Amino acid sequence: MDMKAKTLKNNGNGKRFDPQSFLDTAGVARKIAEFRRNESIYTQGDSAHSVMYVQKGGVKLTVVNGSGREAVVAMFGPTDFFGEGCMAGQTVRMGTATAVTPTTLLMIDKSELLRVLHAEHELSDHFILYMLGHNIRVEEDLVDQLFNSSEKRLARTLLLLARYGKKDEEPVLPKVSQETLANMIGTTRSRVNFFMNKFRKLGFIEYNGKIRVNKSLLTVVLHE
């Protein structure tokens, strides 16, 4: 049985679809690009003609308004797609994507991805589910910003960045600064530092070179 058939069979048996294996075996034309930490992947206003898939590493998406204020609007990790706005008619990038750790991406041209999505229903189904999940995240982020305290927003962000609850994923944060966390949740770096120290003392997170997120952090998110 070839790898493509194995990928499809596993999906049919209820196992998680592996987009990496599928992209490797479905004849998708793409190129591999590697980026150093803090290296720009694309800049706000650049021409938008490709979609990126994260093989390893981490990416932050920032937006700058007319007065020069920057905000972190999303973080992406392994198995995430980003830059998909071009698939919906965006001609320029609406934000700036930057590698937060050494990162390897698959760069897929818009026309090539459209061709494969029409031809390969397994990848199409996965991509649609991913986009729906992404839209739900955006709605949840908006509610989070409107109604929740900065402490609860930080706890939720840490859980999301650690990809908590995903099978085969270790609940460890990618390398991300407290300043970036502050930009993501709309507060100051000093407040983030205060809450991070509080979470550590309570055993919600652990520092050991990397930040490990423990299940107990959920109590902050669920607490009314």
Protein backbone atom coordinates (compact mmCIF):
# COMPACT_ATOMS: atom_id res chain seq x y z
CA MET A 1 0.00 0.00 0.00
CA ASP A 2 1.47 3.39 -0.96
CA MET A 3 1.61 6.31 1.47
CA LYS A 4 -1.31 8.17 -0.15
CA ALA A 5 -3.57 5.14 0.17
CA LYS A 6 -2.45 4.68 3.78
CA THR A 7 -3.29 8.31 4.54
CA LEU A 8 -6.77 7.95 3.05
CA LYS A 9 -7.39 4.65 4.83
CA ASN A 10 -6.43 6.07 8.20
CA ASN A 11 -8.78 8.98 7.67
CA GLY A 12 -11.60 6.61 6.77
CA ASN A 13 -11.02 4.71 10.00
CA GLY A 14 -11.54 7.85 12.04
CA LYS A 15 -7.87 8.58 12.63
CA ARG A 16 -6.57 12.08 12.23
CA PHE A 17 -5.88 13.11 8.65
CA ASP A 18 -2.18 13.88 8.11
CA PRO A 19 -1.90 16.80 5.67
CA GLN A 20 1.91 16.52 5.57
CA SER A 21 1.78 12.93 4.29
CA PHE A 22 -0.92 13.88 1.82
CA LEU A 23 0.99 16.89 0.49
CA ASP A 24 4.05 14.66 0.14
CA THR A 25 2.22 12.06 -1.94
CA ALA A 26 -0.58 13.86 -3.81
CA GLY A 27 1.67 15.45 -6.41
CA VAL A 28 1.34 18.98 -5.01
CA ALA A 29 3.89 21.34 -6.53
CA ARG A 30 5.42 23.38 -3.73
CA LYS A 31 8.75 24.58 -2.45
CA ILE A 32 10.34 24.29 0.97
CA ALA A 33 11.53 27.51 2.58
CA GLU A 34 13.48 27.89 5.81
CA PHE A 35 13.51 31.01 7.98
CA ARG A 36 15.67 32.09 10.89
CA ARG A 37 14.20 33.37 14.14
CA ASN A 38 12.77 36.89 13.67
CA GLU A 39 13.12 36.65 9.87
CA SER A 40 10.25 38.10 7.85
CA ILE A 41 8.22 35.64 5.74
CA TYR A 42 6.10 38.32 4.10
CA THR A 43 5.22 41.93 4.87
CA GLN A 44 1.91 43.76 5.11
CA GLY A 45 1.08 45.06 1.64
CA ASP A 46 3.08 42.41 -0.26
CA SER A 47 1.44 40.65 -3.19
CA ALA A 48 -0.57 37.62 -2.01
CA HIS A 49 -0.28 34.61 -4.29
CA SER A 50 0.62 31.61 -2.10
CA VAL A 51 -0.47 29.67 0.99
CA MET A 52 1.99 28.47 3.61
CA TYR A 53 1.95 25.22 5.59
CA VAL A 54 4.09 25.04 8.75
CA GLN A 55 6.26 21.92 8.89
CA LYS A 56 8.15 22.97 11.99
CA GLY A 57 8.72 26.10 14.02
CA GLY A 58 6.37 28.98 14.75
CA VAL A 59 5.04 32.08 13.02
CA LYS A 60 3.41 35.25 14.33
CA LEU A 61 1.10 37.45 12.28
CA THR A 62 1.14 41.16 13.10
CA VAL A 63 -0.82 44.13 11.75
CA VAL A 64 0.21 47.79 11.85
CA ASN A 65 -2.43 50.54 11.75
CA GLY A 66 -2.16 53.99 10.20
CA SER A 67 -0.58 55.50 13.31
CA GLY A 68 2.12 52.82 13.44
CA ARG A 69 0.70 50.76 16.29
CA GLU A 70 1.44 47.05 15.94
CA ALA A 71 -0.72 44.19 17.21
CA VAL A 72 -0.14 40.42 17.17
CA VAL A 73 -3.31 38.92 15.71
CA ALA A 74 -2.39 35.23 15.32
CA MET A 75 0.24 32.59 16.03
CA PHE A 76 0.80 29.48 13.89
CA GLY A 77 2.63 26.23 14.60
CA PRO A 78 3.26 22.82 12.98
CA THR A 79 0.36 21.53 10.78
CA ASP A 80 -1.15 25.04 10.50
CA PHE A 81 -1.90 26.76 7.20
CA PHE A 82 -1.67 30.55 6.90
CA GLY A 83 -1.72 33.18 4.17
CA GLU A 84 -4.95 31.63 2.88
CA GLY A 85 -6.56 35.05 2.29
CA CYS A 86 -5.37 34.88 -1.32
CA MET A 87 -7.76 31.95 -1.82
CA ALA A 88 -10.67 34.30 -1.05
CA GLY A 89 -9.57 37.06 -3.41
CA GLN A 90 -7.11 39.05 -1.30
CA THR A 91 -4.48 40.49 -3.63
CA VAL A 92 -2.15 41.85 -0.93
CA ARG A 93 -1.10 40.59 2.49
CA MET A 94 -3.18 42.09 5.29
CA GLY A 95 -0.44 41.55 7.89
CA THR A 96 3.23 40.72 8.39
CA ALA A 97 4.29 37.11 9.04
CA THR A 98 7.51 36.58 11.02
CA ALA A 99 9.25 33.41 12.20
CA VAL A 100 9.41 33.29 16.01
CA THR A 101 11.73 30.25 15.98
CA PRO A 102 13.75 28.57 13.20
CA THR A 103 10.89 27.61 10.88
CA THR A 104 10.36 25.39 7.85
CA LEU A 105 7.41 26.09 5.55
CA LEU A 106 5.85 24.53 2.49
CA MET A 107 5.00 27.34 0.05
CA ILE A 108 2.08 26.40 -2.22
CA ASP A 109 1.00 28.65 -5.08
CA LYS A 110 -2.67 29.67 -4.98
CA SER A 111 -3.44 28.20 -8.42
CA GLU A 112 -1.75 24.91 -7.51
CA LEU A 113 -3.65 24.61 -4.25
CA LEU A 114 -6.95 25.35 -5.98
CA ARG A 115 -6.20 22.60 -8.51
CA VAL A 116 -5.41 20.05 -5.79
CA LEU A 117 -8.42 21.00 -3.65
CA HIS A 118 -10.70 20.36 -6.63
CA ALA A 119 -9.01 17.05 -7.45
CA GLU A 120 -8.32 15.61 -3.99
CA HIS A 121 -11.38 15.55 -1.74
CA GLU A 122 -9.47 14.35 1.32
CA LEU A 123 -7.24 17.42 1.34
CA SER A 124 -10.21 19.64 0.46
CA ASP A 125 -12.20 18.33 3.44
CA HIS A 126 -9.26 18.86 5.78
CA PHE A 127 -8.61 22.37 4.48
CA ILE A 128 -12.28 23.37 4.85
CA LEU A 129 -12.40 22.02 8.41
CA TYR A 130 -9.21 23.88 9.20
CA MET A 131 -10.65 27.15 7.86
CA LEU A 132 -13.88 26.66 9.82
CA GLY A 133 -11.86 26.02 12.97
CA HIS A 134 -9.82 29.14 12.26
CA ASN A 135 -12.99 31.24 11.94
CA ILE A 136 -14.27 29.87 15.25
CA ARG A 137 -10.95 30.87 16.85
CA VAL A 138 -11.34 34.42 15.52
CA GLU A 139 -14.84 34.68 17.00
CA GLU A 140 -13.65 33.28 20.33
CA ASP A 141 -10.74 35.74 20.36
CA LEU A 142 -13.17 38.63 19.86
CA VAL A 143 -15.37 37.47 22.75
CA ASP A 144 -12.23 36.97 24.83
CA GLN A 145 -11.09 40.55 24.20
CA LEU A 146 -14.52 42.04 24.88
CA PHE A 147 -15.54 40.21 28.05
CA ASN A 148 -12.62 38.49 29.77
CA SER A 149 -9.93 39.82 32.12
CA SER A 150 -6.32 40.06 30.94
CA GLU A 151 -5.43 37.19 33.31
CA LYS A 152 -7.99 34.89 31.72
CA ARG A 153 -6.97 36.02 28.21
CA LEU A 154 -3.34 35.17 28.98
CA ALA A 155 -4.29 31.72 30.33
CA ARG A 156 -6.33 30.97 27.20
CA THR A 157 -3.55 32.21 24.93
CA LEU A 158 -0.96 30.02 26.67
CA LEU A 159 -3.18 26.96 26.27
CA LEU A 160 -3.74 27.71 22.58
CA LEU A 161 -0.05 28.34 21.89
CA ALA A 162 0.86 25.09 23.62
CA ARG A 163 -1.77 23.40 21.39
CA TYR A 164 -3.21 21.89 24.53
CA GLY A 165 -5.51 18.92 24.02
CA LYS A 166 -4.18 17.93 20.59
CA LYS A 167 -3.13 14.33 20.30
CA ASP A 168 0.60 13.65 19.97
CA GLU A 169 1.33 17.24 20.96
CA GLU A 170 3.48 18.03 24.01
CA PRO A 171 1.93 21.00 25.89
CA VAL A 172 5.07 23.15 25.54
CA LEU A 173 5.11 26.70 24.25
CA PRO A 174 7.15 27.76 21.25
CA LYS A 175 9.69 30.46 22.06
CA VAL A 176 7.60 33.60 22.47
CA SER A 177 8.44 36.79 24.35
CA GLN A 178 6.33 38.37 27.08
CA GLU A 179 6.09 41.46 24.87
CA THR A 180 4.50 39.36 22.13
CA LEU A 181 2.08 37.83 24.63
CA ALA A 182 1.17 41.33 25.83
CA ASN A 183 0.46 42.42 22.24
CA MET A 184 -1.70 39.36 21.68
CA ILE A 185 -3.96 39.91 24.68
CA GLY A 186 -4.02 43.70 24.71
CA THR A 187 -2.18 44.47 27.94
CA THR A 188 1.27 45.54 29.15
CA ARG A 189 4.41 43.43 29.44
CA SER A 190 4.55 44.10 33.19
CA ARG A 191 1.04 42.64 33.61
CA VAL A 192 2.03 39.56 31.61
CA ASN A 193 5.14 39.15 33.78
CA PHE A 194 3.01 39.43 36.94
CA PHE A 195 0.53 36.79 35.76
CA MET A 196 3.25 34.45 34.46
CA ASN A 197 4.96 34.51 37.86
CA LYS A 198 1.59 33.91 39.53
CA PHE A 199 0.82 30.95 37.23
CA ARG A 200 4.25 29.46 37.96
CA LYS A 201 3.88 29.78 41.73
CA LEU A 202 0.46 28.10 41.53
CA GLY A 203 1.89 25.24 39.46
CA PHE A 204 -0.11 26.11 36.33
CA ILE A 205 3.05 26.46 34.22
CA GLU A 206 6.67 25.32 34.54
CA TYR A 207 9.89 26.97 33.38
CA ASN A 208 12.69 24.69 32.24
CA GLY A 209 14.22 26.42 29.24
CA LYS A 210 10.78 26.16 27.65
CA ILE A 211 7.37 26.86 29.15
CA ARG A 212 5.30 23.77 29.89
CA VAL A 213 1.57 24.36 30.31
CA ASN A 214 -0.17 22.13 32.85
CA LYS A 215 -3.82 21.08 32.68
CA SER A 216 -4.52 23.00 35.89
CA LEU A 217 -4.25 26.28 33.94
CA LEU A 218 -7.71 25.47 32.58
CA THR A 219 -9.12 26.47 35.98
CA VAL A 220 -8.24 30.10 35.23
CA VAL A 221 -10.10 29.97 31.91
CA LEU A 222 -13.14 28.20 33.35
CA HIS A 223 -13.38 30.28 36.52
CA GLU A 224 -16.18 32.84 36.49
